[in-house]
Amino acid sequence: MPKKYSLEVTNQRGRLDKFISEQLSDLSRTRVKELIQDQNILVNEKVEKVSYKIQDGDKIEITVPAVKPLDIVAENIPLDIVYEDDDVIVVNKPQGMVVHPAPGHPDHTLVNALLYHTQDLAQSPEGFRPGIVHRIDKDTSGLLMIAKNATARESLEQQLANKTNKRIYWAIVHGNFSEEQGSIDAPIGRNPYDRKKMAVVENGKKAITHFKVLKQFKGYSLIECQLETGRTHQIRVHLDYIGHAVAGDPLYGPRKTLKGNGQFLHAKILGFKHPKTGKWLEFSVEPPKIFQNMLIQLEKSK
């Protein structure tokens, strides 16, 4: 059954989405925006924009459709948990694991493993990615933050939106650099010629990646990338755009590349403010063995 809420504005000012999320603690601001866009929130019996400025006397009716039951099987898959408390989990995702169920990948995902580990995961509007607030690609390894309740989800999503968290990746890329560091500011959207790929396109969403060269080898480099935004395939697209595709990348890289299990890309450092205490948490994990062994091989071939 759908849930229904009624609110009346009294001595309040501000945006519609902010007001509702503050009044109803079980609805994150992201979820409120989705409900407004789906016309499940009416103000004085009318559909308004997310940015509508509330006024005294406004009557707000909210309908929250019933979440479809999770058809996700909890699976006893080992997890590399770096940190966990009552609000968040930080997990080191292995290369080759899909983050959440999707067409073609109904099981053996990180979500299947998380559901076996705990029932305390923040609900997602779609129902198929409980706890997930951001993701990394199947063949990218490294750190992910998981929300265990609605308050944590709201906080972590807001930090992502406000760009106040820290996400640093290591990548082995094609070619060498003349500069020690740089920034790529290029909008990303769906590739108009190949719907499976993203690309730098004029009408895409703003995307910024900062990079620093850590070490150079014969024909390859090890670089550190820091995300300012989080678009789909952002690092892979941006590095290909500047002529330094991630080694091993089957989608954006050249055919002649380093042999591995997909792209040599690793989410190494993750930092964020704890949703409840406000304390800054920061974690770092080493790349998987295949990544480390490739660095050893490249060093020997210099």
Protein backbone atom coordinates (compact mmCIF):
# COMPACT_ATOMS: atom_id res chain seq x y z
CA MET A 1 0.00 0.00 0.00
CA PRO A 2 1.28 3.50 -0.77
CA LYS A 3 1.99 5.85 2.12
CA LYS A 4 0.29 9.24 2.25
CA TYR A 5 1.38 12.34 4.14
CA SER A 6 -0.19 15.80 4.55
CA LEU A 7 1.81 18.87 5.54
CA GLU A 8 0.83 22.50 6.03
CA VAL A 9 3.40 25.29 5.86
CA THR A 10 3.48 27.56 8.90
CA ASN A 11 6.19 30.20 9.44
CA GLN A 12 8.53 28.45 7.02
CA ARG A 13 10.49 29.55 3.96
CA GLY A 14 12.71 27.74 1.46
CA ARG A 15 12.57 25.13 -1.28
CA LEU A 16 9.83 22.55 -1.46
CA ASP A 17 12.17 19.52 -1.52
CA LYS A 18 14.20 20.78 1.46
CA PHE A 19 11.10 21.51 3.54
CA ILE A 20 9.59 18.05 2.99
CA SER A 21 12.81 16.13 3.71
CA GLU A 22 13.24 18.09 6.95
CA GLN A 23 9.67 17.39 8.03
CA LEU A 24 9.68 13.69 7.09
CA SER A 25 12.85 12.00 8.32
CA ASP A 26 12.17 8.74 6.44
CA LEU A 27 12.32 10.53 3.06
CA SER A 28 15.72 11.69 1.84
CA ARG A 29 15.94 14.86 -0.23
CA THR A 30 16.88 12.77 -3.25
CA ARG A 31 13.75 10.65 -2.79
CA VAL A 32 11.59 13.78 -2.40
CA LYS A 33 12.93 15.13 -5.70
CA GLU A 34 12.02 11.85 -7.41
CA LEU A 35 8.49 11.98 -5.97
CA ILE A 36 8.04 15.58 -7.14
CA GLN A 37 9.27 14.74 -10.64
CA ASP A 38 6.89 11.75 -10.76
CA GLN A 39 4.00 14.08 -9.76
CA ASN A 40 3.46 12.26 -6.47
CA ILE A 41 3.64 15.54 -4.52
CA LEU A 42 1.00 18.24 -4.90
CA VAL A 43 1.04 21.76 -3.47
CA ASN A 44 -2.45 23.21 -3.12
CA GLU A 45 -3.61 20.39 -5.45
CA LYS A 46 -1.13 21.46 -8.15
CA VAL A 47 2.14 19.98 -9.40
CA GLU A 48 5.08 22.28 -8.61
CA LYS A 49 8.79 22.22 -9.44
CA VAL A 50 11.43 20.91 -7.04
CA SER A 51 12.67 24.50 -6.61
CA TYR A 52 9.20 25.88 -5.71
CA LYS A 53 9.46 28.35 -2.80
CA ILE A 54 6.98 27.38 -0.10
CA GLN A 55 4.64 29.96 1.43
CA ASP A 56 2.61 30.12 4.64
CA GLY A 57 -0.65 28.27 4.23
CA ASP A 58 0.56 25.92 1.49
CA LYS A 59 -1.04 22.48 1.78
CA ILE A 60 1.22 19.68 0.60
CA GLU A 61 -0.05 16.17 -0.21
CA ILE A 62 2.56 13.43 -0.58
CA THR A 63 2.02 9.95 -1.96
CA VAL A 64 4.86 7.47 -1.63
CA PRO A 65 4.23 4.46 -3.89
CA ALA A 66 4.80 1.08 -2.30
CA VAL A 67 8.33 -0.14 -2.91
CA LYS A 68 8.32 -3.31 -4.95
CA PRO A 69 9.42 -6.26 -2.83
CA LEU A 70 13.10 -6.97 -3.23
CA ASP A 71 13.54 -9.96 -5.47
CA ILE A 72 17.18 -10.19 -4.49
CA VAL A 73 18.62 -13.30 -2.94
CA ALA A 74 21.05 -12.86 -0.07
CA GLU A 75 24.23 -14.73 -0.99
CA ASN A 76 27.06 -15.87 1.25
CA ILE A 77 29.80 -14.12 -0.70
CA PRO A 78 32.92 -13.02 1.24
CA LEU A 79 33.19 -9.26 1.76
CA ASP A 80 36.32 -7.23 2.47
CA ILE A 81 34.83 -4.81 5.02
CA VAL A 82 37.22 -1.99 5.84
CA TYR A 83 34.92 -0.24 8.35
CA GLU A 84 31.43 -0.68 9.78
CA ASP A 85 29.23 0.90 12.45
CA ASP A 86 25.47 1.42 12.93
CA ASP A 87 25.25 3.90 10.04
CA VAL A 88 27.80 3.10 7.35
CA ILE A 89 29.86 0.31 5.84
CA VAL A 90 33.03 0.86 3.83
CA VAL A 91 33.81 -2.09 1.60
CA ASN A 92 36.72 -2.91 -0.69
CA LYS A 93 35.00 -4.24 -3.82
CA PRO A 94 36.99 -6.82 -5.79
CA GLN A 95 37.57 -6.46 -9.51
CA GLY A 96 34.96 -8.40 -11.48
CA MET A 97 32.05 -7.88 -9.06
CA VAL A 98 28.96 -5.93 -10.20
CA VAL A 99 27.71 -3.47 -7.56
CA HIS A 100 23.96 -4.11 -7.82
CA PRO A 101 21.55 -6.38 -9.74
CA ALA A 102 20.64 -5.29 -13.26
CA PRO A 103 19.50 -6.95 -16.49
CA GLY A 104 22.09 -9.61 -17.25
CA HIS A 105 23.42 -9.60 -13.68
CA PRO A 106 20.59 -10.70 -11.35
CA ASP A 107 22.85 -12.18 -8.69
CA HIS A 108 26.43 -12.56 -7.38
CA THR A 109 26.56 -8.78 -6.90
CA LEU A 110 27.83 -6.68 -4.02
CA VAL A 111 24.21 -6.07 -2.97
CA ASN A 112 23.55 -9.84 -2.78
CA ALA A 113 26.58 -10.15 -0.51
CA LEU A 114 25.57 -7.15 1.64
CA LEU A 115 22.06 -8.55 2.19
CA TYR A 116 23.59 -11.74 3.57
CA HIS A 117 25.87 -9.71 5.83
CA THR A 118 23.17 -7.40 7.25
CA GLN A 119 19.48 -6.52 6.96
CA ASP A 120 20.27 -2.92 7.93
CA LEU A 121 20.58 -1.27 4.52
CA ALA A 122 18.95 2.01 3.50
CA GLN A 123 16.05 1.45 1.12
CA SER A 124 16.46 2.63 -2.45
CA PRO A 125 13.55 4.01 -4.50
CA GLU A 126 14.07 1.38 -7.20
CA GLY A 127 14.32 -1.46 -4.72
CA PHE A 128 17.30 -3.16 -6.38
CA ARG A 129 20.20 -1.25 -4.81
CA PRO A 130 19.65 -0.99 -1.04
CA GLY A 131 22.45 0.84 0.72
CA ILE A 132 24.15 1.96 -2.50
CA VAL A 133 24.83 5.70 -2.78
CA HIS A 134 27.53 5.57 -5.46
CA ARG A 135 29.05 2.85 -7.58
CA ILE A 136 32.17 1.78 -9.41
CA ASP A 137 32.31 -0.29 -12.57
CA LYS A 138 32.39 -4.09 -12.52
CA ASP A 139 36.07 -4.32 -13.43
CA THR A 140 37.15 -1.40 -11.23
CA SER A 141 38.27 -2.41 -7.74
CA GLY A 142 38.30 -0.45 -4.53
CA LEU A 143 36.40 1.49 -1.90
CA LEU A 144 32.66 2.11 -1.71
CA MET A 145 30.59 3.67 1.09
CA ILE A 146 27.30 1.96 1.97
CA ALA A 147 24.37 3.57 3.85
CA LYS A 148 22.64 1.49 6.52
CA ASN A 149 19.68 3.85 7.10
CA ALA A 150 17.82 6.76 5.50
CA THR A 151 19.68 9.42 7.50
CA ALA A 152 23.05 8.04 6.41
CA ARG A 153 21.92 7.79 2.80
CA GLU A 154 20.76 11.42 2.80
CA SER A 155 24.05 12.63 4.30
CA LEU A 156 26.31 10.63 1.99
CA GLU A 157 24.31 11.60 -1.11
CA GLN A 158 24.46 15.26 -0.07
CA GLN A 159 28.23 15.06 0.37
CA LEU A 160 28.53 13.61 -3.12
CA ALA A 161 26.31 16.40 -4.51
CA ASN A 162 28.28 19.09 -2.62
CA LYS A 163 31.64 17.57 -3.63
CA THR A 164 32.81 17.54 -0.01
CA ASN A 165 33.91 13.91 0.10
CA LYS A 166 37.22 12.54 -1.21
CA ARG A 167 37.54 9.91 -3.94
CA ILE A 168 41.01 9.16 -5.27
CA TYR A 169 41.78 6.46 -7.84
CA TRP A 170 44.96 4.90 -9.17
CA ALA A 171 45.12 4.09 -12.87
CA ILE A 172 47.70 2.59 -15.19
CA VAL A 173 47.28 4.46 -18.47
CA HIS A 174 48.69 4.43 -21.98
CA GLY A 175 51.46 6.87 -22.83
CA ASN A 176 53.69 9.27 -20.95
CA PHE A 177 53.09 12.82 -19.73
CA SER A 178 55.09 16.03 -20.11
CA GLU A 179 53.20 17.62 -17.22
CA GLU A 180 53.19 16.45 -13.58
CA GLN A 181 49.51 17.15 -13.01
CA GLY A 182 46.42 18.58 -14.67
CA SER A 183 42.65 18.84 -14.72
CA ILE A 184 40.13 17.66 -17.28
CA ASP A 185 36.96 19.77 -17.45
CA ALA A 186 34.82 18.26 -20.20
CA PRO A 187 31.07 17.45 -20.18
CA ILE A 188 30.06 13.80 -20.40
CA GLY A 189 26.92 12.29 -21.94
CA ARG A 190 25.75 9.26 -23.87
CA ASN A 191 27.83 8.53 -26.97
CA PRO A 192 25.53 9.41 -29.90
CA TYR A 193 27.06 6.68 -32.07
CA ASP A 194 27.29 3.86 -29.50
CA ARG A 195 24.66 3.72 -26.73
CA LYS A 196 26.81 1.37 -24.65
CA LYS A 197 29.45 4.06 -24.24
CA MET A 198 29.71 7.51 -22.71
CA ALA A 199 31.64 10.33 -24.37
CA VAL A 200 32.66 13.96 -24.08
CA VAL A 201 29.73 15.72 -25.75
CA GLU A 202 28.76 19.38 -25.99
CA ASN A 203 25.40 18.99 -24.22
CA GLY A 204 26.66 16.53 -21.59
CA LYS A 205 26.72 16.96 -17.81
CA LYS A 206 29.59 18.89 -16.25
CA ALA A 207 32.46 16.57 -15.35
CA ILE A 208 35.82 17.40 -13.75
CA THR A 209 38.72 15.04 -13.07
CA HIS A 210 42.05 16.11 -11.52
CA PHE A 211 45.12 13.95 -12.10
CA LYS A 212 48.69 13.66 -10.85
CA VAL A 213 51.46 11.60 -12.46
CA LEU A 214 53.00 9.23 -9.89
CA LYS A 215 55.41 7.21 -12.06
CA GLN A 216 56.27 6.79 -15.74
CA PHE A 217 57.28 3.59 -17.50
CA LYS A 218 58.00 2.61 -21.09
CA GLY A 219 54.77 3.51 -22.91
CA TYR A 220 52.64 3.61 -19.74
CA SER A 221 52.15 5.74 -16.65
CA LEU A 222 50.75 5.33 -13.14
CA ILE A 223 48.54 8.27 -12.26
CA GLU A 224 46.31 9.37 -9.39
CA CYS A 225 42.86 10.74 -10.27
CA GLN A 226 40.63 12.74 -7.96
CA LEU A 227 36.96 13.03 -8.87
CA GLU A 228 35.22 16.37 -8.46
CA THR A 229 32.07 15.01 -10.11
CA GLY A 230 30.84 11.44 -10.51
CA ARG A 231 29.58 10.77 -14.03
CA THR A 232 29.24 7.28 -15.48
CA HIS A 233 32.66 5.99 -16.62
CA GLN A 234 34.07 9.48 -15.91
CA ILE A 235 37.75 8.63 -15.40
CA ARG A 236 37.78 6.16 -18.29
CA VAL A 237 36.12 8.65 -20.68
CA HIS A 238 38.21 11.65 -19.61
CA LEU A 239 41.52 9.83 -19.86
CA ASP A 240 40.65 8.44 -23.29
CA TYR A 241 39.62 11.99 -24.30
CA ILE A 242 43.13 13.34 -23.54
CA GLY A 243 44.83 10.43 -25.29
CA HIS A 244 45.75 8.40 -22.21
CA ALA A 245 43.18 5.60 -22.08
CA VAL A 246 43.21 3.33 -19.04
CA ALA A 247 45.26 0.21 -19.77
CA GLY A 248 43.19 -2.94 -20.15
CA ASP A 249 39.96 -1.00 -20.75
CA PRO A 250 37.86 -3.13 -23.14
CA LEU A 251 35.41 -0.32 -23.88
CA TYR A 252 37.52 2.83 -24.28
CA GLY A 253 41.09 1.58 -24.62
CA PRO A 254 43.01 0.44 -27.72
CA ARG A 255 43.09 -3.23 -28.73
CA LYS A 256 46.80 -3.49 -28.02
CA THR A 257 46.99 -3.00 -24.27
CA LEU A 258 48.12 -4.60 -21.03
CA LYS A 259 46.66 -8.02 -20.38
CA GLY A 260 44.52 -8.21 -17.26
CA ASN A 261 40.95 -8.66 -16.09
CA GLY A 262 39.64 -5.40 -17.48
CA GLN A 263 40.79 -1.83 -16.85
CA PHE A 264 43.63 -1.18 -14.41
CA LEU A 265 41.63 1.25 -12.29
CA HIS A 266 41.38 1.16 -8.51
CA ALA A 267 39.41 3.32 -6.03
CA LYS A 268 42.26 3.71 -3.53
CA ILE A 269 41.20 6.47 -1.11
CA LEU A 270 37.75 7.33 0.21
CA GLY A 271 36.97 10.10 2.68
CA PHE A 272 33.71 11.51 4.04
CA LYS A 273 32.08 13.03 7.11
CA HIS A 274 30.32 10.51 9.31
CA PRO A 275 26.54 11.00 8.83
CA LYS A 276 25.85 11.07 12.58
CA THR A 277 28.98 12.36 14.34
CA GLY A 278 30.30 14.66 11.62
CA LYS A 279 33.78 13.22 12.19
CA TRP A 280 35.98 12.98 9.08
CA LEU A 281 36.68 9.36 8.11
CA GLU A 282 39.31 8.44 5.53
CA PHE A 283 40.33 5.00 4.27
CA SER A 284 42.96 3.67 1.89
CA VAL A 285 43.43 0.20 0.37
CA GLU A 286 46.15 -1.15 -1.88
CA PRO A 287 45.29 -2.23 -5.45
CA PRO A 288 44.65 -5.92 -6.13
CA LYS A 289 47.57 -8.28 -6.80
CA ILE A 290 47.10 -8.21 -10.57
CA PHE A 291 47.51 -4.41 -10.48
CA GLN A 292 50.56 -4.55 -8.19
CA ASN A 293 52.19 -7.29 -10.27
CA MET A 294 51.69 -5.24 -13.44
CA LEU A 295 53.49 -2.29 -11.81
CA ILE A 296 56.41 -4.62 -11.01
CA GLN A 297 56.52 -5.84 -14.63
CA LEU A 298 56.44 -2.29 -15.98
CA GLU A 299 59.22 -1.23 -13.61
CA LYS A 300 61.41 -4.12 -14.84
CA SER A 301 60.80 -3.16 -18.49
CA LYS A 302 61.94 0.47 -18.05
